[in-house]
Amino acid sequence: MIASAAAPIFEECYDIWMDFPSAMIEHCDREANKVAHELAQQAFVSKAICIWVDSTPSFIFPILSKDVTILLDE
């Protein structure tokens, strides 16, 4: 059931991917993708539908700042 619900997302990503002359898809573990993981966790826990258009959810700021720090240190 989850796979069929995600099928339109995969299809759209594939369509966008095909527009690039060269592209690579690579697995990112949780350490490299903490913001996406936290958003998924929040959605799972709250069971609410949220859309952020012009503002970032406040619970993401600490994770974003760590991501930027890691990028700057590399």
C-alpha atoms as a PDB file:
ATOM      1  CA  MET A   1       0.000   0.000   0.000  1.00  0.00           C
ATOM      2  CA  ILE A   2       2.823   2.432   0.824  1.00  0.00           C
ATOM      3  CA  ALA A   3       4.560   1.703  -2.484  1.00  0.00           C
ATOM      4  CA  SER A   4       1.396   2.465  -4.470  1.00  0.00           C
ATOM      5  CA  ALA A   5       0.875   5.716  -2.527  1.00  0.00           C
ATOM      6  CA  ALA A   6       4.431   6.814  -3.315  1.00  0.00           C
ATOM      7  CA  ALA A   7       4.276   5.819  -7.000  1.00  0.00           C
ATOM      8  CA  PRO A   8       3.317   9.314  -8.268  1.00  0.00           C
ATOM      9  CA  ILE A   9       6.270  10.823  -6.374  1.00  0.00           C
ATOM     10  CA  PHE A  10       8.679   8.287  -7.848  1.00  0.00           C
ATOM     11  CA  GLU A  11       7.232   8.864 -11.314  1.00  0.00           C
ATOM     12  CA  GLU A  12       7.643  12.640 -11.050  1.00  0.00           C
ATOM     13  CA  CYS A  13      11.209  12.268  -9.763  1.00  0.00           C
ATOM     14  CA  TYR A  14      11.998   9.914 -12.632  1.00  0.00           C
ATOM     15  CA  ASP A  15      10.560  12.380 -15.174  1.00  0.00           C
ATOM     16  CA  ILE A  16      12.678  15.201 -13.724  1.00  0.00           C
ATOM     17  CA  TRP A  17      15.731  12.938 -13.568  1.00  0.00           C
ATOM     18  CA  MET A  18      15.403  12.084 -17.266  1.00  0.00           C
ATOM     19  CA  ASP A  19      15.780  15.792 -18.139  1.00  0.00           C
ATOM     20  CA  PHE A  20      19.391  15.773 -16.878  1.00  0.00           C
ATOM     21  CA  PRO A  21      22.095  14.643 -19.298  1.00  0.00           C
ATOM     22  CA  SER A  22      23.902  12.890 -16.457  1.00  0.00           C
ATOM     23  CA  ALA A  23      22.588  12.067 -12.990  1.00  0.00           C
ATOM     24  CA  MET A  24      23.295   9.639 -10.189  1.00  0.00           C
ATOM     25  CA  ILE A  25      21.059   8.466  -7.370  1.00  0.00           C
ATOM     26  CA  GLU A  26      22.797   7.547  -4.158  1.00  0.00           C
ATOM     27  CA  HIS A  27      21.544   6.354  -0.787  1.00  0.00           C
ATOM     28  CA  CYS A  28      21.975   8.839   2.056  1.00  0.00           C
ATOM     29  CA  ASP A  29      21.937   7.512   5.570  1.00  0.00           C
ATOM     30  CA  ARG A  30      20.119   9.302   8.357  1.00  0.00           C
ATOM     31  CA  GLU A  31      23.239  11.226   9.395  1.00  0.00           C
ATOM     32  CA  ALA A  32      23.440  12.840   5.966  1.00  0.00           C
ATOM     33  CA  ASN A  33      19.728  13.508   5.727  1.00  0.00           C
ATOM     34  CA  LYS A  34      18.634  14.563   9.199  1.00  0.00           C
ATOM     35  CA  VAL A  35      16.191  17.274   8.096  1.00  0.00           C
ATOM     36  CA  ALA A  36      14.204  14.876   5.904  1.00  0.00           C
ATOM     37  CA  HIS A  37      14.273  12.275   8.674  1.00  0.00           C
ATOM     38  CA  GLU A  38      13.012  14.766  11.259  1.00  0.00           C
ATOM     39  CA  LEU A  39      10.206  15.943   8.963  1.00  0.00           C
ATOM     40  CA  ALA A  40       9.148  12.331   8.405  1.00  0.00           C
ATOM     41  CA  GLN A  41       9.257  11.643  12.163  1.00  0.00           C
ATOM     42  CA  GLN A  42       7.158  14.719  12.934  1.00  0.00           C
ATOM     43  CA  ALA A  43       4.584  13.726  10.301  1.00  0.00           C
ATOM     44  CA  PHE A  44       4.441  10.194  11.695  1.00  0.00           C
ATOM     45  CA  VAL A  45       4.078  11.312  15.310  1.00  0.00           C
ATOM     46  CA  SER A  46       1.638  14.187  14.796  1.00  0.00           C
ATOM     47  CA  LYS A  47      -0.475  12.500  12.098  1.00  0.00           C
ATOM     48  CA  ALA A  48      -1.210  16.026  10.856  1.00  0.00           C
ATOM     49  CA  ILE A  49      -1.035  17.432   7.363  1.00  0.00           C
ATOM     50  CA  CYS A  50       1.293  20.432   7.306  1.00  0.00           C
ATOM     51  CA  ILE A  51       2.385  22.658   4.454  1.00  0.00           C
ATOM     52  CA  TRP A  52       5.147  25.221   4.933  1.00  0.00           C
ATOM     53  CA  VAL A  53       5.329  27.675   2.071  1.00  0.00           C
ATOM     54  CA  ASP A  54       7.083  30.803   3.315  1.00  0.00           C
ATOM     55  CA  SER A  55       8.366  29.729   6.711  1.00  0.00           C
ATOM     56  CA  THR A  56      10.504  26.906   8.021  1.00  0.00           C
ATOM     57  CA  PRO A  57       9.099  24.877  10.932  1.00  0.00           C
ATOM     58  CA  SER A  58      10.894  25.904  14.110  1.00  0.00           C
ATOM     59  CA  PHE A  59      11.858  22.335  15.065  1.00  0.00           C
ATOM     60  CA  ILE A  60      14.044  22.152  11.929  1.00  0.00           C
ATOM     61  CA  PHE A  61      16.303  25.155  12.720  1.00  0.00           C
ATOM     62  CA  PRO A  62      18.724  23.328  15.070  1.00  0.00           C
ATOM     63  CA  ILE A  63      19.168  20.518  12.543  1.00  0.00           C
ATOM     64  CA  LEU A  64      19.644  22.947   9.659  1.00  0.00           C
ATOM     65  CA  SER A  65      22.277  24.876  11.581  1.00  0.00           C
ATOM     66  CA  LYS A  66      24.190  21.643  12.281  1.00  0.00           C
ATOM     67  CA  ASP A  67      23.998  20.710   8.586  1.00  0.00           C
ATOM     68  CA  VAL A  68      25.397  24.083   7.579  1.00  0.00           C
ATOM     69  CA  THR A  69      28.156  23.821  10.180  1.00  0.00           C
ATOM     70  CA  ILE A  70      29.144  20.397   8.863  1.00  0.00           C
ATOM     71  CA  LEU A  71      29.250  21.732   5.292  1.00  0.00           C
ATOM     72  CA  LEU A  72      31.362  24.693   6.305  1.00  0.00           C
ATOM     73  CA  ASP A  73      33.793  22.464   8.206  1.00  0.00           C
ATOM     74  CA  GLU A  74      34.344  20.180   5.202  1.00  0.00           C
END
